[in-house]
N, C-alpha and C. Protein backbone atom coordinates (compact mmCIF):
# COMPACT_ATOMS: atom_id res chain seq x y z
N MET A 1 -14.84 11.45 3.22
CA MET A 1 -13.86 10.70 3.72
C MET A 1 -13.45 10.60 5.44
N THR A 2 -14.25 11.37 6.32
CA THR A 2 -14.78 11.71 7.37
C THR A 2 -15.84 11.95 8.03
N GLY A 3 -16.90 11.12 7.24
CA GLY A 3 -18.48 11.12 7.51
C GLY A 3 -17.89 10.11 8.48
N PRO A 4 -19.64 10.17 8.98
CA PRO A 4 -20.19 8.62 10.17
C PRO A 4 -20.04 7.33 9.29
N ASP A 5 -19.74 7.09 7.55
CA ASP A 5 -19.85 6.33 7.41
C ASP A 5 -18.66 6.20 6.21
N GLY A 6 -17.95 6.98 6.77
CA GLY A 6 -16.52 7.24 5.35
C GLY A 6 -15.47 6.61 5.52
N LEU A 7 -14.75 6.72 4.73
CA LEU A 7 -13.81 5.78 4.24
C LEU A 7 -12.48 5.86 5.80
N LEU A 8 -12.11 6.68 6.54
CA LEU A 8 -11.31 7.18 7.31
C LEU A 8 -11.96 5.74 8.63
N LYS A 9 -13.08 6.18 8.63
CA LYS A 9 -14.00 5.26 9.59
C LYS A 9 -13.42 3.38 9.60
N GLN A 10 -13.93 3.67 8.57
CA GLN A 10 -14.05 1.96 8.03
C GLN A 10 -12.65 1.40 8.37
N LEU A 11 -11.61 1.78 7.74
CA LEU A 11 -9.85 1.91 8.09
C LEU A 11 -9.95 1.68 9.60
N THR A 12 -10.48 3.14 10.02
CA THR A 12 -9.45 2.71 11.42
C THR A 12 -10.02 1.74 12.20
N LYS A 13 -11.52 1.04 11.99
CA LYS A 13 -11.74 -0.19 12.41
C LYS A 13 -11.00 -1.43 12.63
N THR A 14 -10.47 -0.83 10.85
CA THR A 14 -9.59 -2.47 10.00
C THR A 14 -8.46 -2.31 11.03
N VAL A 15 -7.12 -1.05 11.25
CA VAL A 15 -6.58 -0.92 12.29
C VAL A 15 -6.96 -1.87 13.92
N LEU A 16 -7.98 -0.97 14.37
CA LEU A 16 -8.23 -0.91 15.59
C LEU A 16 -8.68 -2.81 15.76
N GLU A 17 -8.61 -3.52 14.86
CA GLU A 17 -9.42 -4.85 15.52
C GLU A 17 -8.14 -5.95 14.86
N THR A 18 -7.22 -5.05 13.52
CA THR A 18 -6.35 -6.28 13.74
C THR A 18 -5.03 -5.89 14.54
N ALA A 19 -4.97 -5.30 15.41
CA ALA A 19 -4.10 -4.70 16.47
C ALA A 19 -3.98 -5.79 17.28
N PRO A 20 -5.18 -5.85 18.06
CA PRO A 20 -5.34 -6.87 19.04
C PRO A 20 -5.19 -8.26 19.20
N HIS A 21 -5.58 -8.89 18.08
CA HIS A 21 -5.52 -10.26 17.57
C HIS A 21 -4.16 -10.18 17.17
N GLU A 22 -3.33 -9.68 16.36
CA GLU A 22 -2.38 -9.44 16.36
C GLU A 22 -1.41 -10.00 17.55
N GLU A 23 -2.01 -9.29 18.31
CA GLU A 23 -1.42 -9.03 19.64
C GLU A 23 -1.48 -10.74 20.91
N MET A 24 -2.90 -10.66 20.42
CA MET A 24 -3.21 -12.24 20.48
C MET A 24 -2.32 -13.14 20.45
N THR A 25 -1.62 -13.31 18.41
CA THR A 25 -0.97 -14.39 18.48
C THR A 25 0.39 -14.11 19.02
N ALA A 26 0.83 -13.05 19.41
CA ALA A 26 2.28 -12.91 20.18
C ALA A 26 2.10 -13.70 21.89
N HIS A 27 0.78 -13.18 22.18
CA HIS A 27 0.92 -13.85 23.40
C HIS A 27 0.52 -15.21 23.64
N LEU A 28 -0.36 -15.66 22.79
CA LEU A 28 -0.50 -17.42 22.85
C LEU A 28 0.60 -18.20 22.27
N GLY A 29 1.31 -17.28 21.05
CA GLY A 29 2.48 -17.82 20.44
C GLY A 29 2.23 -18.60 19.51
N TYR A 30 0.83 -18.95 18.86
CA TYR A 30 1.01 -19.43 17.34
C TYR A 30 -0.17 -18.80 17.11
N GLU A 31 -0.45 -19.06 15.44
CA GLU A 31 -1.16 -18.13 14.76
C GLU A 31 -2.76 -18.66 15.16
N LYS A 32 -3.42 -18.15 14.47
CA LYS A 32 -5.19 -18.57 15.00
C LYS A 32 -5.37 -19.56 13.69
N HIS A 33 -6.30 -20.69 14.19
CA HIS A 33 -6.61 -22.01 13.64
C HIS A 33 -5.04 -22.88 13.54
N ASP A 34 -3.71 -22.33 14.31
CA ASP A 34 -2.53 -23.28 14.17
C ASP A 34 -2.54 -24.53 14.97
N GLN A 35 -2.47 -25.68 14.62
CA GLN A 35 -2.23 -26.62 15.30
C GLN A 35 -1.92 -27.10 16.23
N ALA A 36 -0.41 -25.90 15.81
CA ALA A 36 0.14 -26.04 17.53
C ALA A 36 -0.76 -25.87 18.96
N GLY A 37 -1.62 -24.94 18.79
CA GLY A 37 -1.77 -24.32 20.04
C GLY A 37 -3.72 -25.73 20.69
N VAL A 38 -2.79 -26.76 19.79
CA VAL A 38 -4.19 -28.16 20.47
C VAL A 38 -3.02 -28.30 21.67
N GLY A 39 -3.70 -27.94 22.67
CA GLY A 39 -3.06 -28.50 23.97
C GLY A 39 -2.19 -27.69 24.53
N SER A 40 -2.13 -26.52 24.31
CA SER A 40 -0.77 -25.74 24.72
C SER A 40 -1.45 -25.10 26.83
N GLY A 41 -2.70 -25.23 25.98
CA GLY A 41 -3.21 -24.73 27.61
C GLY A 41 -4.19 -23.35 27.60
N ASN A 42 -4.00 -22.82 26.58
CA ASN A 42 -4.87 -21.41 26.42
C ASN A 42 -5.01 -21.70 25.07
N ILE A 43 -6.36 -20.99 24.42
CA ILE A 43 -6.65 -20.52 23.20
C ILE A 43 -7.22 -19.89 23.18
N ARG A 44 -7.65 -18.66 21.73
CA ARG A 44 -8.73 -17.93 22.05
C ARG A 44 -10.03 -18.35 22.43
N ASN A 45 -10.47 -17.48 22.58
CA ASN A 45 -12.34 -17.80 23.31
C ASN A 45 -13.02 -16.67 22.74
N GLY A 46 -13.46 -16.42 21.36
CA GLY A 46 -13.91 -15.49 20.92
C GLY A 46 -13.88 -14.07 21.07
N THR A 47 -14.61 -13.61 20.90
CA THR A 47 -14.36 -11.87 21.21
C THR A 47 -15.27 -11.20 21.88
N ARG A 48 -15.19 -9.81 22.23
CA ARG A 48 -15.83 -9.21 23.05
C ARG A 48 -16.02 -8.04 22.72
N PRO A 49 -17.28 -7.12 22.35
CA PRO A 49 -17.20 -5.75 21.10
C PRO A 49 -17.08 -4.66 22.13
N LYS A 50 -16.05 -3.56 21.86
CA LYS A 50 -16.02 -2.62 22.24
C LYS A 50 -16.35 -1.09 21.47
N THR A 51 -16.34 -0.47 22.11
CA THR A 51 -16.66 1.69 21.51
C THR A 51 -15.59 2.45 21.81
N VAL A 52 -14.53 2.70 20.76
CA VAL A 52 -13.49 3.57 21.13
C VAL A 52 -13.76 4.96 20.78
N LEU A 53 -13.25 5.85 21.16
CA LEU A 53 -13.77 7.07 20.44
C LEU A 53 -12.17 7.57 19.64
N THR A 54 -12.43 7.76 18.53
CA THR A 54 -11.26 8.44 18.37
C THR A 54 -11.55 10.38 17.63
N ASP A 55 -10.06 10.99 17.59
CA ASP A 55 -10.76 12.36 17.29
C ASP A 55 -11.10 12.90 16.02
N SER A 56 -10.67 12.20 14.73
CA SER A 56 -11.77 12.57 14.14
C SER A 56 -12.56 11.61 13.25
N THR A 57 -13.02 10.30 13.63
CA THR A 57 -13.95 9.50 13.34
C THR A 57 -14.98 9.20 14.48
N GLY A 58 -15.00 9.75 15.61
CA GLY A 58 -15.88 9.80 16.22
C GLY A 58 -16.04 8.21 17.34
N PRO A 59 -17.13 7.63 17.19
CA PRO A 59 -16.94 6.44 18.50
C PRO A 59 -16.59 5.20 16.77
N VAL A 60 -16.14 4.40 16.87
CA VAL A 60 -15.81 3.50 16.49
C VAL A 60 -15.70 1.81 17.11
N GLN A 61 -16.44 0.48 16.76
CA GLN A 61 -16.91 -0.63 17.19
C GLN A 61 -15.74 -1.40 16.71
N ILE A 62 -15.16 -2.16 17.64
CA ILE A 62 -14.50 -3.01 17.30
C ILE A 62 -14.76 -4.31 18.39
N ASP A 63 -14.43 -5.50 17.99
CA ASP A 63 -14.52 -6.97 18.35
C ASP A 63 -12.72 -6.86 18.67
N VAL A 64 -12.66 -7.10 20.14
CA VAL A 64 -11.46 -7.64 20.76
C VAL A 64 -10.89 -8.80 21.27
N PRO A 65 -10.60 -9.90 20.97
CA PRO A 65 -10.47 -11.35 21.30
C PRO A 65 -10.08 -11.49 22.88
N ARG A 66 -10.87 -13.00 23.27
CA ARG A 66 -10.65 -13.20 24.56
C ARG A 66 -9.63 -14.03 24.50
N ASP A 67 -9.23 -14.58 25.22
CA ASP A 67 -8.59 -16.26 25.60
C ASP A 67 -9.10 -16.91 26.72
N ARG A 68 -8.73 -17.82 26.39
CA ARG A 68 -9.55 -18.90 27.67
C ARG A 68 -9.77 -18.83 28.82
N VAL A 69 -8.25 -18.42 29.58
CA VAL A 69 -7.55 -18.20 30.53
C VAL A 69 -8.02 -17.21 31.19
N GLY A 70 -8.25 -15.79 30.27
CA GLY A 70 -8.26 -14.56 30.88
C GLY A 70 -6.41 -13.94 30.92
N THR A 71 -5.64 -14.07 30.34
CA THR A 71 -4.63 -13.81 30.81
C THR A 71 -4.15 -12.92 29.55
N PHE A 72 -4.68 -12.84 28.73
CA PHE A 72 -4.52 -11.38 27.81
C PHE A 72 -4.71 -10.36 28.12
N GLU A 73 -3.44 -9.39 27.98
CA GLU A 73 -3.93 -8.03 28.26
C GLU A 73 -3.41 -6.82 27.15
N PRO A 74 -4.29 -6.33 26.35
CA PRO A 74 -4.07 -6.08 24.84
C PRO A 74 -3.14 -4.49 25.44
N GLN A 75 -2.59 -4.48 24.49
CA GLN A 75 -1.19 -2.87 24.84
C GLN A 75 -2.01 -1.62 24.03
N ILE A 76 -2.45 -1.98 22.71
CA ILE A 76 -2.50 -1.37 21.92
C ILE A 76 -3.98 -0.59 22.24
N VAL A 77 -5.28 -1.13 22.66
CA VAL A 77 -6.32 -1.02 22.62
C VAL A 77 -6.53 -1.50 24.18
N ARG A 78 -6.03 -0.59 24.91
CA ARG A 78 -6.24 -1.21 26.62
C ARG A 78 -7.99 -1.61 27.03
N LYS A 79 -7.82 -3.29 28.12
CA LYS A 79 -9.29 -2.90 28.47
C LYS A 79 -10.48 -1.44 28.93
N ARG A 80 -9.88 -0.95 29.44
CA ARG A 80 -10.56 0.10 29.68
C ARG A 80 -10.58 1.50 29.19
N GLN A 81 -9.93 1.38 28.26
CA GLN A 81 -9.47 2.69 27.38
C GLN A 81 -10.30 2.72 26.77
N ARG A 82 -10.99 4.04 26.38
CA ARG A 82 -12.05 4.14 25.63
C ARG A 82 -11.72 5.72 23.98
N ARG A 83 -10.57 6.03 24.64
CA ARG A 83 -10.05 7.41 23.62
C ARG A 83 -8.99 7.12 23.35
N LEU A 84 -8.63 7.40 22.01
CA LEU A 84 -7.60 7.14 21.27
C LEU A 84 -6.97 8.05 20.71
N SER A 85 -5.95 8.36 21.06
CA SER A 85 -5.57 9.67 20.07
C SER A 85 -4.32 9.43 18.42
N GLY A 86 -4.57 10.25 17.98
CA GLY A 86 -3.45 9.86 16.84
C GLY A 86 -3.84 8.63 15.58
N VAL A 87 -4.20 8.09 15.82
CA VAL A 87 -4.58 6.67 15.19
C VAL A 87 -5.13 6.79 14.12
N ASP A 88 -5.76 8.36 13.98
CA ASP A 88 -6.36 8.84 12.46
C ASP A 88 -5.18 8.90 11.51
N GLU A 89 -3.71 9.55 11.58
CA GLU A 89 -2.49 9.68 10.98
C GLU A 89 -1.86 8.37 10.45
N VAL A 90 -2.46 7.24 11.82
CA VAL A 90 -1.27 6.70 11.42
C VAL A 90 -2.51 5.12 10.08
N VAL A 91 -3.62 5.71 10.51
CA VAL A 91 -4.59 4.95 9.44
C VAL A 91 -4.38 5.48 7.47
N LEU A 92 -4.58 6.95 8.03
CA LEU A 92 -3.80 7.85 6.73
C LEU A 92 -2.36 6.76 6.06
N SER A 93 -1.62 7.36 7.08
CA SER A 93 -0.11 6.78 6.82
C SER A 93 -0.20 5.23 6.08
N LEU A 94 -1.06 4.69 6.46
CA LEU A 94 -0.51 3.16 5.94
C LEU A 94 -1.79 2.89 4.47
N CYS A 95 -2.74 4.35 3.81
CA CYS A 95 -3.56 3.62 2.83
C CYS A 95 -2.87 4.57 1.85
N ALA A 96 -2.23 5.56 2.03
CA ALA A 96 -1.50 6.62 1.17
C ALA A 96 -0.03 6.05 0.29
N LYS A 97 -0.58 6.34 -0.60
CA LYS A 97 0.87 5.72 -1.43
C LYS A 97 2.25 6.89 -1.44
N GLY A 98 2.99 6.41 -0.73
CA GLY A 98 4.28 7.61 -1.13
C GLY A 98 4.81 7.49 0.23
N LEU A 99 4.28 6.67 1.78
CA LEU A 99 4.76 6.90 2.73
C LEU A 99 6.27 5.73 2.50
N THR A 100 7.45 6.25 3.63
CA THR A 100 8.46 5.19 3.71
C THR A 100 8.21 3.70 5.08
N THR A 101 8.56 2.94 5.35
CA THR A 101 8.30 1.33 6.33
C THR A 101 9.21 2.27 7.58
N GLY A 102 9.46 3.42 7.41
CA GLY A 102 10.21 4.27 8.68
C GLY A 102 9.57 4.82 9.11
N GLU A 103 8.98 5.85 7.98
CA GLU A 103 7.33 6.62 8.83
C GLU A 103 6.99 6.04 9.31
N ILE A 104 6.43 5.27 8.88
CA ILE A 104 4.41 3.95 9.18
C ILE A 104 4.76 3.23 10.28
N SER A 105 6.42 3.11 10.65
CA SER A 105 6.99 2.56 11.66
C SER A 105 6.98 3.50 12.87
N ALA A 106 7.31 4.70 12.91
CA ALA A 106 7.45 5.91 13.38
C ALA A 106 6.18 6.00 14.30
N HIS A 107 4.67 6.21 12.99
CA HIS A 107 3.68 6.31 13.39
C HIS A 107 2.79 5.50 14.40
N PHE A 108 3.53 3.97 14.16
CA PHE A 108 2.67 2.97 14.95
C PHE A 108 3.45 2.99 16.11
N ALA A 109 4.80 3.57 16.81
CA ALA A 109 5.18 3.65 17.40
C ALA A 109 5.52 4.42 18.86
N GLU A 110 4.66 5.59 18.26
CA GLU A 110 4.19 7.03 19.15
C GLU A 110 2.59 6.67 19.68
N ILE A 111 1.99 5.85 18.81
CA ILE A 111 0.43 5.72 19.01
C ILE A 111 0.66 4.55 20.47
N PHE A 112 1.95 3.52 20.34
CA PHE A 112 1.72 2.27 20.41
C PHE A 112 2.49 2.07 21.60
N GLY A 113 2.92 2.99 21.60
CA GLY A 113 4.17 2.78 22.82
C GLY A 113 5.32 1.81 22.42
N ALA A 114 6.11 1.71 24.17
CA ALA A 114 6.98 0.80 23.38
C ALA A 114 6.64 -0.23 24.24
N SER A 115 5.48 -0.92 24.73
CA SER A 115 4.81 -2.02 25.34
C SER A 115 4.82 -3.15 24.94
N VAL A 116 5.06 -2.63 23.08
CA VAL A 116 4.72 -3.43 22.15
C VAL A 116 5.53 -3.88 21.38
N SER A 117 6.64 -4.77 21.50
CA SER A 117 7.22 -5.79 20.59
C SER A 117 7.00 -4.37 19.35
N LYS A 118 8.79 -5.03 18.59
CA LYS A 118 9.32 -3.97 17.00
C LYS A 118 8.62 -5.79 16.71
N ASP A 119 8.23 -6.75 16.96
CA ASP A 119 7.71 -7.44 16.10
C ASP A 119 6.26 -8.22 15.76
N THR A 120 5.71 -7.59 17.20
CA THR A 120 4.24 -7.38 17.23
C THR A 120 3.48 -5.87 16.17
N VAL A 121 4.58 -5.29 16.48
CA VAL A 121 4.17 -3.94 15.44
C VAL A 121 4.27 -3.94 14.04
N SER A 122 5.44 -4.25 13.66
CA SER A 122 5.51 -5.17 12.42
C SER A 122 4.20 -6.13 11.44
N ARG A 123 4.11 -6.82 12.42
CA ARG A 123 3.11 -8.01 12.05
C ARG A 123 1.62 -7.14 11.94
N ILE A 124 1.41 -6.33 12.28
CA ILE A 124 0.54 -5.36 12.70
C ILE A 124 0.11 -4.31 11.33
N ALA A 125 1.29 -3.58 10.73
CA ALA A 125 1.43 -2.89 9.71
C ALA A 125 1.26 -4.20 8.35
N ASP A 126 1.92 -5.22 8.64
CA ASP A 126 2.20 -6.52 7.09
C ASP A 126 0.66 -6.34 7.20
N LYS A 127 0.03 -7.00 8.06
CA LYS A 127 -1.34 -7.52 7.60
C LYS A 127 -2.35 -6.06 7.48
N VAL A 128 -2.23 -4.59 7.91
CA VAL A 128 -3.41 -3.44 7.37
C VAL A 128 -2.23 -3.57 6.29
N VAL A 129 -1.31 -2.96 5.75
CA VAL A 129 -1.15 -2.48 4.47
C VAL A 129 -1.42 -3.84 3.69
N GLU A 130 -1.64 -4.89 3.70
CA GLU A 130 -2.14 -5.65 2.84
C GLU A 130 -3.18 -5.75 2.61
N GLU A 131 -4.76 -5.60 3.57
CA GLU A 131 -5.48 -4.91 3.74
C GLU A 131 -5.92 -3.66 2.49
N MET A 132 -4.54 -2.85 2.86
CA MET A 132 -5.15 -0.95 1.90
C MET A 132 -4.65 -1.36 0.45
N THR A 133 -3.61 -2.48 0.05
CA THR A 133 -3.01 -2.85 -1.17
C THR A 133 -4.63 -3.31 -1.58
N ASP A 134 -5.57 -4.11 -0.74
CA ASP A 134 -6.28 -5.45 -1.48
C ASP A 134 -7.15 -3.67 -2.45
N TRP A 135 -7.80 -2.59 -1.38
CA TRP A 135 -8.49 -1.91 -1.02
C TRP A 135 -8.09 -0.82 -2.14
N SER A 136 -6.49 -0.52 -2.41
CA SER A 136 -6.03 0.30 -3.64
C SER A 136 -6.37 -0.11 -4.86
N TYR A 137 -6.19 -1.96 -4.85
CA TYR A 137 -6.65 -2.02 -6.41
C TYR A 137 -7.77 -2.60 -6.36
N ARG A 138 -9.29 -2.29 -5.85
CA ARG A 138 -10.31 -2.95 -5.82
C ARG A 138 -11.00 -2.20 -7.28
N PRO A 139 -12.09 -3.01 -7.80
CA PRO A 139 -12.42 -2.37 -8.83
C PRO A 139 -13.59 -1.54 -8.94
N ARG A 140 -12.99 -0.25 -9.91
CA ARG A 140 -13.71 0.88 -9.67
C ARG A 140 -14.68 1.15 -10.94
N ASP A 141 -15.56 2.46 -10.86
CA ASP A 141 -16.76 2.29 -11.97
C ASP A 141 -15.86 2.32 -13.24
N GLU A 142 -16.94 1.91 -14.65
CA GLU A 142 -15.53 2.73 -16.04
C GLU A 142 -15.62 4.02 -16.05
N ILE A 143 -16.96 4.36 -15.57
CA ILE A 143 -16.84 6.34 -15.59
C ILE A 143 -17.48 6.46 -14.52
N TYR A 144 -17.13 8.28 -14.21
CA TYR A 144 -17.47 8.17 -13.07
C TYR A 144 -18.33 10.01 -13.24
N ALA A 145 -18.93 10.61 -13.06
CA ALA A 145 -19.76 12.03 -13.16
C ALA A 145 -18.69 13.01 -13.13
N ALA A 146 -18.08 12.78 -12.12
CA ALA A 146 -16.90 14.07 -11.90
C ALA A 146 -15.60 13.45 -11.06
N VAL A 147 -14.88 13.90 -10.71
CA VAL A 147 -13.71 13.56 -10.12
C VAL A 147 -12.93 14.97 -9.07
N PHE A 148 -13.28 14.79 -8.25
CA PHE A 148 -12.81 15.90 -7.04
C PHE A 148 -11.35 15.68 -7.01
N ILE A 149 -10.04 16.38 -6.78
CA ILE A 149 -9.17 16.47 -6.19
C ILE A 149 -8.67 17.35 -5.45
N ASP A 150 -8.32 17.04 -4.35
CA ASP A 150 -7.94 18.06 -3.49
C ASP A 150 -6.45 17.32 -2.25
N ALA A 151 -6.03 18.43 -1.47
CA ALA A 151 -5.12 17.64 -0.44
C ALA A 151 -5.70 18.25 1.11
N ILE A 152 -5.29 17.52 2.21
CA ILE A 152 -5.61 17.65 3.45
C ILE A 152 -3.97 17.33 4.02
N VAL A 153 -3.27 17.88 5.26
CA VAL A 153 -2.05 18.26 6.00
C VAL A 153 -2.33 17.32 6.32
N VAL A 154 -1.34 17.01 7.13
CA VAL A 154 -1.55 15.24 8.14
C VAL A 154 -0.11 15.34 9.01
N LYS A 155 -0.25 15.76 10.03
CA LYS A 155 1.10 15.05 10.87
C LYS A 155 1.83 13.92 10.95
N VAL A 156 3.25 13.83 10.65
CA VAL A 156 3.98 12.64 10.44
C VAL A 156 5.38 12.26 10.74
N ARG A 157 5.09 11.51 11.54
CA ARG A 157 6.80 11.71 11.91
C ARG A 157 7.97 10.54 11.81
N ASP A 158 9.17 11.01 11.39
CA ASP A 158 10.14 10.27 10.76
C ASP A 158 11.36 11.10 11.68
N GLY A 159 11.56 10.73 13.32
CA GLY A 159 12.65 10.79 13.44
C GLY A 159 12.19 12.99 14.21
N GLN A 160 11.42 13.25 13.16
CA GLN A 160 10.77 14.56 13.92
C GLN A 160 9.09 14.72 13.30
N VAL A 161 8.96 15.49 13.76
CA VAL A 161 7.34 16.17 12.90
C VAL A 161 7.28 16.59 11.99
N ALA A 162 6.61 16.57 11.09
CA ALA A 162 6.69 17.66 9.94
C ALA A 162 5.62 17.69 9.28
N ASN A 163 4.88 18.25 8.53
CA ASN A 163 3.66 18.41 7.64
C ASN A 163 3.41 17.61 6.21
N ARG A 164 2.47 16.38 6.32
CA ARG A 164 2.71 16.47 4.79
C ARG A 164 1.63 16.22 4.61
N PRO A 165 1.02 16.80 2.97
CA PRO A 165 -0.07 16.79 2.30
C PRO A 165 -0.64 15.40 1.99
N PHE A 166 -1.42 15.03 2.12
CA PHE A 166 -1.85 13.83 1.58
C PHE A 166 -3.04 14.48 0.73
N TYR A 167 -2.75 13.63 -0.84
CA TYR A 167 -3.97 14.09 -1.62
C TYR A 167 -4.98 13.25 -2.13
N ALA A 168 -6.22 13.70 -2.04
CA ALA A 168 -7.42 12.90 -2.29
C ALA A 168 -8.18 12.40 -3.54
N ALA A 169 -8.35 11.50 -4.48
CA ALA A 169 -9.41 11.74 -5.36
C ALA A 169 -10.54 10.89 -5.21
N ILE A 170 -11.77 11.60 -5.22
CA ILE A 170 -12.91 11.49 -5.01
C ILE A 170 -14.31 11.43 -5.89
N GLY A 171 -14.10 10.65 -6.96
CA GLY A 171 -14.87 10.41 -7.81
C GLY A 171 -16.82 10.64 -7.52
N VAL A 172 -17.59 10.96 -7.52
CA VAL A 172 -19.25 10.71 -7.84
C VAL A 172 -19.41 9.58 -8.96
N THR A 173 -20.23 8.27 -8.72
CA THR A 173 -20.98 7.91 -9.63
C THR A 173 -21.97 8.46 -10.42
N LEU A 174 -22.42 7.31 -11.17
CA LEU A 174 -23.66 8.07 -11.69
C LEU A 174 -24.53 7.97 -11.31
N ASP A 175 -24.83 7.37 -10.05
CA ASP A 175 -25.54 6.95 -8.99
C ASP A 175 -25.76 8.52 -7.59
N GLY A 176 -24.64 9.04 -8.32
CA GLY A 176 -24.45 10.61 -7.80
C GLY A 176 -23.86 9.67 -5.76
N GLU A 177 -23.14 8.62 -6.07
CA GLU A 177 -22.49 8.06 -4.78
C GLU A 177 -20.62 8.49 -4.76
N ARG A 178 -20.62 8.98 -3.66
CA ARG A 178 -19.34 8.98 -3.84
C ARG A 178 -18.10 8.08 -3.70
N ASP A 179 -17.44 7.76 -4.06
CA ASP A 179 -16.38 6.80 -3.94
C ASP A 179 -15.16 7.64 -3.72
N ILE A 180 -14.07 7.21 -3.25
CA ILE A 180 -12.29 7.33 -2.68
C ILE A 180 -11.82 6.86 -3.71
N LEU A 181 -10.96 7.48 -4.27
CA LEU A 181 -10.71 6.34 -5.47
C LEU A 181 -9.22 6.23 -5.69
N GLY A 182 -8.55 7.37 -4.48
CA GLY A 182 -6.81 6.63 -3.75
C GLY A 182 -6.24 7.65 -3.44
N LEU A 183 -5.76 7.71 -2.41
CA LEU A 183 -5.09 8.55 -1.60
C LEU A 183 -3.51 8.36 -1.87
N TRP A 184 -2.87 9.84 -1.31
CA TRP A 184 -1.38 9.62 -2.01
C TRP A 184 -0.81 10.86 -1.41
N ALA A 185 0.27 9.93 -0.12
CA ALA A 185 1.27 11.27 0.19
C ALA A 185 2.25 12.35 -0.41
N GLY A 186 2.16 13.13 -0.05
CA GLY A 186 2.98 14.20 -1.17
C GLY A 186 3.68 14.30 -0.40
N THR A 187 4.75 15.90 -0.80
CA THR A 187 6.68 16.37 0.06
C THR A 187 6.14 17.79 0.23
N GLY A 188 5.02 18.07 -0.80
CA GLY A 188 5.18 20.05 -1.07
C GLY A 188 3.96 20.38 -1.44
N GLY A 189 3.74 21.33 -2.12
CA GLY A 189 2.63 22.09 -2.67
C GLY A 189 2.17 20.95 -3.31
N GLU A 190 0.54 21.71 -4.09
CA GLU A 190 -0.15 20.65 -5.16
C GLU A 190 0.06 21.05 -6.79
N GLY A 191 1.36 20.81 -7.04
CA GLY A 191 2.02 21.12 -8.54
C GLY A 191 1.33 20.53 -9.66
N ALA A 192 1.48 21.39 -10.53
CA ALA A 192 0.54 20.18 -11.54
C ALA A 192 1.73 18.74 -12.07
N LYS A 193 2.62 19.11 -12.22
CA LYS A 193 3.23 17.84 -11.98
C LYS A 193 2.93 16.61 -10.89
N PHE A 194 2.85 16.70 -9.78
CA PHE A 194 2.38 15.92 -8.83
C PHE A 194 0.52 15.36 -9.22
N TRP A 195 0.07 16.13 -9.62
CA TRP A 195 -1.57 15.93 -10.15
C TRP A 195 -1.46 15.16 -11.23
N MET A 196 -0.20 15.45 -11.95
CA MET A 196 -0.27 14.83 -13.85
C MET A 196 0.56 13.06 -12.89
N SER A 197 1.00 12.98 -12.21
CA SER A 197 1.16 11.89 -12.04
C SER A 197 -0.06 10.72 -10.72
N VAL A 198 -0.64 12.05 -9.84
CA VAL A 198 -2.09 11.10 -9.60
C VAL A 198 -2.99 10.58 -10.52
N LEU A 199 -2.95 11.70 -11.72
CA LEU A 199 -4.11 11.49 -12.73
C LEU A 199 -3.95 10.44 -13.89
N THR A 200 -2.13 9.97 -13.68
CA THR A 200 -2.25 8.66 -14.76
C THR A 200 -1.95 7.37 -13.99
N ASP A 201 -1.83 7.55 -12.37
CA ASP A 201 -1.88 6.71 -11.85
C ASP A 201 -2.31 5.30 -11.93
N GLY A 202 -1.99 4.10 -12.48
CA GLY A 202 -2.86 2.89 -13.16
C GLY A 202 -3.64 1.95 -12.33
N ARG A 203 -3.14 2.01 -10.75
CA ARG A 203 -4.30 1.55 -9.85
C ARG A 203 -5.72 2.10 -10.01
N TRP A 204 -5.90 3.04 -10.26
CA TRP A 204 -7.22 3.84 -10.14
C TRP A 204 -7.55 4.23 -12.08
N CYS A 205 -6.92 4.80 -12.27
CA CYS A 205 -6.89 5.67 -13.89
C CYS A 205 -6.74 4.47 -14.61
N ARG A 206 -7.43 4.71 -15.92
CA ARG A 206 -7.31 3.60 -17.24
C ARG A 206 -6.87 4.87 -18.55
N PRO A 207 -5.97 4.67 -19.27
CA PRO A 207 -5.86 5.88 -20.26
C PRO A 207 -7.26 5.17 -21.19
N ALA A 208 -7.48 6.52 -21.76
CA ALA A 208 -9.11 6.50 -22.80
C ALA A 208 -8.71 5.81 -24.04
């Protein structure tokens, strides 16, 4: 989950790359490949690599977009910024089932700050949630040698900061590889009723 090539690092990269691309769209006023940009005076001009340090996943390399006239100033991952705190909680909130839109938006507002418009934050969230939904419904193996279920506690902000359990189901394939089968945001202890709902979740578990 949190290792050098773990799921959290992959999802963190997705979030941190999506954010500046959506900021660029807001800066230019048109979507990528949109004909509205023809003759506008400024266009996208490739990307530049950048490595940022996060709390749980360590260094994450991302590609940051550039514009031709050089007026784009990303606010979420600033040009000279090398360390980001709190982004891991945002990533978990996006890929776990059970958080409200308000909770996700509050996470973004806390991490990204008031310098980014609500419309841009909403666009970023929509893009990332779409990718996380695709991940949630990706194909799984028919059979796993073992399935481990556990929970980790994450701070979630919705008006105030509160600890929320995030439940994880991790499968071990017949080849011995680990596969994150699903993540769920809970509200309390690891009760049998909650785990029954997890184990019958049709996104990753099909009845025999």
